[in-house]
C-alpha atoms as a PDB file:
ATOM      1  CA  UNK A   1       0.000   0.000   0.000  1.00  0.00           C
ATOM      2  CA  UNK A   2       2.780   2.423   0.974  1.00  0.00           C
ATOM      3  CA  UNK A   3       4.736   1.755  -2.214  1.00  0.00           C
ATOM      4  CA  UNK A   4       1.666   2.218  -4.445  1.00  0.00           C
ATOM      5  CA  UNK A   5       0.654   5.527  -2.847  1.00  0.00           C
ATOM      6  CA  UNK A   6       4.255   6.725  -2.800  1.00  0.00           C
ATOM      7  CA  UNK A   7       4.628   5.927  -6.517  1.00  0.00           C
ATOM      8  CA  UNK A   8       1.461   7.915  -7.252  1.00  0.00           C
ATOM      9  CA  UNK A   9       2.980  10.930  -5.485  1.00  0.00           C
ATOM     10  CA  UNK A  10       6.211  10.615  -7.505  1.00  0.00           C
ATOM     11  CA  UNK A  11       4.342  10.211 -10.814  1.00  0.00           C
ATOM     12  CA  UNK A  12       2.357  13.350 -10.066  1.00  0.00           C
ATOM     13  CA  UNK A  13       5.601  15.202  -9.318  1.00  0.00           C
ATOM     14  CA  UNK A  14       6.925  14.130 -12.712  1.00  0.00           C
ATOM     15  CA  UNK A  15       3.858  15.688 -14.310  1.00  0.00           C
ATOM     16  CA  UNK A  16       4.581  18.898 -12.413  1.00  0.00           C
ATOM     17  CA  UNK A  17       8.093  19.084 -13.785  1.00  0.00           C
ATOM     18  CA  UNK A  18       6.998  18.475 -17.361  1.00  0.00           C
ATOM     19  CA  UNK A  19       4.862  21.601 -17.014  1.00  0.00           C
ATOM     20  CA  UNK A  20       8.109  23.603 -16.926  1.00  0.00           C
ATOM     21  CA  UNK A  21       8.472  22.980 -20.653  1.00  0.00           C
ATOM     22  CA  UNK A  22       5.306  25.004 -21.294  1.00  0.00           C
ATOM     23  CA  UNK A  23       5.421  28.767 -21.515  1.00  0.00           C
ATOM     24  CA  UNK A  24       5.650  30.441 -18.097  1.00  0.00           C
ATOM     25  CA  UNK A  25       4.587  33.930 -17.091  1.00  0.00           C
ATOM     26  CA  UNK A  26       6.910  35.303 -14.405  1.00  0.00           C
ATOM     27  CA  UNK A  27       6.398  38.306 -12.141  1.00  0.00           C
ATOM     28  CA  UNK A  28       8.794  39.721  -9.541  1.00  0.00           C
ATOM     29  CA  UNK A  29       9.792  42.938  -7.818  1.00  0.00           C
ATOM     30  CA  UNK A  30      13.041  43.203  -9.802  1.00  0.00           C
ATOM     31  CA  UNK A  31      14.465  41.790 -13.010  1.00  0.00           C
ATOM     32  CA  UNK A  32      18.140  41.607 -13.977  1.00  0.00           C
ATOM     33  CA  UNK A  33      19.166  40.553 -17.491  1.00  0.00           C
ATOM     34  CA  UNK A  34      22.754  39.630 -18.368  1.00  0.00           C
ATOM     35  CA  UNK A  35      22.634  39.139 -22.143  1.00  0.00           C
ATOM     36  CA  UNK A  36      26.346  38.425 -22.448  1.00  0.00           C
ATOM     37  CA  UNK A  37      26.190  35.498 -20.017  1.00  0.00           C
ATOM     38  CA  UNK A  38      22.609  34.568 -21.017  1.00  0.00           C
ATOM     39  CA  UNK A  39      21.254  34.748 -17.473  1.00  0.00           C
ATOM     40  CA  UNK A  40      17.997  36.315 -16.311  1.00  0.00           C
ATOM     41  CA  UNK A  41      17.384  36.819 -12.584  1.00  0.00           C
ATOM     42  CA  UNK A  42      13.969  37.526 -11.079  1.00  0.00           C
ATOM     43  CA  UNK A  43      14.204  38.890  -7.521  1.00  0.00           C
ATOM     44  CA  UNK A  44      11.686  39.482  -4.767  1.00  0.00           C
ATOM     45  CA  UNK A  45       8.330  37.803  -4.408  1.00  0.00           C
ATOM     46  CA  UNK A  46       8.768  35.759  -7.598  1.00  0.00           C
ATOM     47  CA  UNK A  47       5.677  34.096  -9.011  1.00  0.00           C
ATOM     48  CA  UNK A  48       5.897  31.930 -12.128  1.00  0.00           C
ATOM     49  CA  UNK A  49       2.815  30.276 -13.543  1.00  0.00           C
ATOM     50  CA  UNK A  50       0.954  28.863 -16.470  1.00  0.00           C
ATOM     51  CA  UNK A  51      -2.334  26.987 -16.785  1.00  0.00           C
ATOM     52  CA  UNK A  52      -0.840  23.863 -15.181  1.00  0.00           C
ATOM     53  CA  UNK A  53       1.548  25.001 -12.458  1.00  0.00           C
ATOM     54  CA  UNK A  54       2.307  27.736  -9.917  1.00  0.00           C
ATOM     55  CA  UNK A  55       5.796  28.425  -8.541  1.00  0.00           C
ATOM     56  CA  UNK A  56       6.828  30.853  -5.810  1.00  0.00           C
ATOM     57  CA  UNK A  57      10.302  31.783  -4.591  1.00  0.00           C
ATOM     58  CA  UNK A  58      12.305  34.819  -3.597  1.00  0.00           C
ATOM     59  CA  UNK A  59      14.740  34.376  -6.475  1.00  0.00           C
ATOM     60  CA  UNK A  60      14.481  32.633  -9.843  1.00  0.00           C
ATOM     61  CA  UNK A  61      17.525  32.351 -12.094  1.00  0.00           C
ATOM     62  CA  UNK A  62      16.975  31.346 -15.723  1.00  0.00           C
ATOM     63  CA  UNK A  63      20.125  30.237 -17.569  1.00  0.00           C
ATOM     64  CA  UNK A  64      20.016  29.930 -21.344  1.00  0.00           C
ATOM     65  CA  UNK A  65      22.037  27.676 -23.638  1.00  0.00           C
ATOM     66  CA  UNK A  66      24.712  29.679 -25.478  1.00  0.00           C
ATOM     67  CA  UNK A  67      24.061  28.116 -28.868  1.00  0.00           C
ATOM     68  CA  UNK A  68      20.361  27.331 -29.047  1.00  0.00           C
ATOM     69  CA  UNK A  69      18.984  30.104 -26.824  1.00  0.00           C
ATOM     70  CA  UNK A  70      16.836  27.557 -24.972  1.00  0.00           C
ATOM     71  CA  UNK A  71      16.484  27.309 -21.218  1.00  0.00           C
ATOM     72  CA  UNK A  72      19.419  25.310 -19.894  1.00  0.00           C
ATOM     73  CA  UNK A  73      18.672  25.537 -16.180  1.00  0.00           C
ATOM     74  CA  UNK A  74      16.124  27.012 -13.764  1.00  0.00           C
ATOM     75  CA  UNK A  75      17.215  27.765 -10.198  1.00  0.00           C
ATOM     76  CA  UNK A  76      14.543  28.734  -7.680  1.00  0.00           C
ATOM     77  CA  UNK A  77      15.936  29.897  -4.340  1.00  0.00           C
ATOM     78  CA  UNK A  78      14.565  30.772  -0.904  1.00  0.00           C
ATOM     79  CA  UNK A  79      11.141  29.514   0.136  1.00  0.00           C
ATOM     80  CA  UNK A  80      10.443  27.519  -3.020  1.00  0.00           C
ATOM     81  CA  UNK A  81       6.848  26.358  -3.387  1.00  0.00           C
ATOM     82  CA  UNK A  82       5.359  24.471  -6.336  1.00  0.00           C
ATOM     83  CA  UNK A  83       1.639  23.738  -6.670  1.00  0.00           C
ATOM     84  CA  UNK A  84       0.125  21.460  -9.303  1.00  0.00           C
ATOM     85  CA  UNK A  85      -3.489  20.433  -8.816  1.00  0.00           C
ATOM     86  CA  UNK A  86      -3.601  18.767  -5.375  1.00  0.00           C
ATOM     87  CA  UNK A  87       0.179  18.467  -4.970  1.00  0.00           C
ATOM     88  CA  UNK A  88       2.299  20.985  -3.097  1.00  0.00           C
ATOM     89  CA  UNK A  89       6.102  20.639  -3.036  1.00  0.00           C
ATOM     90  CA  UNK A  90       8.326  22.938  -0.982  1.00  0.00           C
ATOM     91  CA  UNK A  91      12.043  23.280  -0.341  1.00  0.00           C
ATOM     92  CA  UNK A  92      14.839  25.782   0.107  1.00  0.00           C
ATOM     93  CA  UNK A  93      16.253  25.404  -3.416  1.00  0.00           C
ATOM     94  CA  UNK A  94      14.874  23.942  -6.642  1.00  0.00           C
ATOM     95  CA  UNK A  95      17.090  23.114  -9.638  1.00  0.00           C
ATOM     96  CA  UNK A  96      15.654  21.966 -12.959  1.00  0.00           C
ATOM     97  CA  UNK A  97      17.546  20.940 -16.100  1.00  0.00           C
ATOM     98  CA  UNK A  98      15.041  20.739 -19.006  1.00  0.00           C
ATOM     99  CA  UNK A  99      17.290  18.923 -21.512  1.00  0.00           C
ATOM    100  CA  UNK A 100      18.146  16.062 -19.168  1.00  0.00           C
ATOM    101  CA  UNK A 101      14.799  16.327 -17.366  1.00  0.00           C
ATOM    102  CA  UNK A 102      16.399  16.275 -13.923  1.00  0.00           C
ATOM    103  CA  UNK A 103      14.918  18.048 -10.896  1.00  0.00           C
ATOM    104  CA  UNK A 104      16.535  18.517  -7.497  1.00  0.00           C
ATOM    105  CA  UNK A 105      14.748  19.979  -4.498  1.00  0.00           C
ATOM    106  CA  UNK A 106      17.137  20.709  -1.651  1.00  0.00           C
ATOM    107  CA  UNK A 107      16.704  21.614   2.003  1.00  0.00           C
ATOM    108  CA  UNK A 108      13.559  21.051   4.062  1.00  0.00           C
ATOM    109  CA  UNK A 109      11.817  19.247   1.208  1.00  0.00           C
ATOM    110  CA  UNK A 110       8.166  18.390   1.706  1.00  0.00           C
ATOM    111  CA  UNK A 111       5.754  16.942  -0.835  1.00  0.00           C
ATOM    112  CA  UNK A 112       2.065  16.864   0.104  1.00  0.00           C
ATOM    113  CA  UNK A 113      -0.823  15.306  -1.793  1.00  0.00           C
ATOM    114  CA  UNK A 114      -4.200  15.098  -0.084  1.00  0.00           C
ATOM    115  CA  UNK A 115      -3.354  13.782   3.395  1.00  0.00           C
ATOM    116  CA  UNK A 116      -0.117  12.066   2.303  1.00  0.00           C
ATOM    117  CA  UNK A 117       3.328  13.583   2.631  1.00  0.00           C
ATOM    118  CA  UNK A 118       7.021  12.883   2.259  1.00  0.00           C
ATOM    119  CA  UNK A 119       9.705  14.912   4.056  1.00  0.00           C
ATOM    120  CA  UNK A 120      13.434  14.764   3.360  1.00  0.00           C
ATOM    121  CA  UNK A 121      16.534  16.912   2.888  1.00  0.00           C
ATOM    122  CA  UNK A 122      16.965  16.225  -0.830  1.00  0.00           C
ATOM    123  CA  UNK A 123      14.718  14.984  -3.610  1.00  0.00           C
ATOM    124  CA  UNK A 124      16.271  13.920  -6.919  1.00  0.00           C
ATOM    125  CA  UNK A 125      13.924  13.182  -9.841  1.00  0.00           C
ATOM    126  CA  UNK A 126      15.085  11.724 -13.142  1.00  0.00           C
ATOM    127  CA  UNK A 127      12.006  12.254 -15.272  1.00  0.00           C
ATOM    128  CA  UNK A 128      13.283  10.431 -18.377  1.00  0.00           C
ATOM    129  CA  UNK A 129      14.010   7.254 -16.429  1.00  0.00           C
ATOM    130  CA  UNK A 130      11.097   7.620 -13.969  1.00  0.00           C
ATOM    131  CA  UNK A 131      13.337   7.311 -10.926  1.00  0.00           C
ATOM    132  CA  UNK A 132      13.494   9.263  -7.718  1.00  0.00           C
ATOM    133  CA  UNK A 133      15.831   9.304  -4.746  1.00  0.00           C
ATOM    134  CA  UNK A 134      15.051  10.927  -1.429  1.00  0.00           C
ATOM    135  CA  UNK A 135      17.833  11.535   1.061  1.00  0.00           C
ATOM    136  CA  UNK A 136      18.267  13.028   4.478  1.00  0.00           C
ATOM    137  CA  UNK A 137      21.332  13.628   6.596  1.00  0.00           C
ATOM    138  CA  UNK A 138      22.195  11.514   9.619  1.00  0.00           C
ATOM    139  CA  UNK A 139      20.222  13.669  12.067  1.00  0.00           C
ATOM    140  CA  UNK A 140      17.060  13.670   9.921  1.00  0.00           C
ATOM    141  CA  UNK A 141      15.567  10.616   8.325  1.00  0.00           C
ATOM    142  CA  UNK A 142      13.283  10.472   5.305  1.00  0.00           C
ATOM    143  CA  UNK A 143       9.728  10.564   6.622  1.00  0.00           C
ATOM    144  CA  UNK A 144       6.553   9.511   4.829  1.00  0.00           C
ATOM    145  CA  UNK A 145       2.950   9.522   5.986  1.00  0.00           C
ATOM    146  CA  UNK A 146       0.487   7.637   3.824  1.00  0.00           C
ATOM    147  CA  UNK A 147      -3.261   7.387   4.428  1.00  0.00           C
ATOM    148  CA  UNK A 148      -5.947   5.322   2.779  1.00  0.00           C
ATOM    149  CA  UNK A 149      -7.807   7.678   0.465  1.00  0.00           C
END
């Protein structure tokens, strides 16, 4: 039962990450653009969204590929919160690499769906290979709470 519910949570997270490939509208208090280094930084009360996903953080760094001018990496920092339908994922830092379809959530990670949750220090998602690894340091263990829905 635990494994089935846990896998449902992870599959839903994978759907969240695939939403990054859609067009996002981003608002913030400040915007810094470094065209030479192909980096855009949104600062202060950042809110990125589209029809499928909502993302909040204090800082969002968008790094572009030098050759193809596509997004190479998204870094969300400070109080990261992602909402997709009934799933809420939070952490201190979120890193997403669209080409390799890898997502890392770091620091105080919590994923909640309905009354189920997983808490850990680091969440690694390999979307292409449908694998996930959750880790915590020696003083904190990975914690999961699963209910019958």
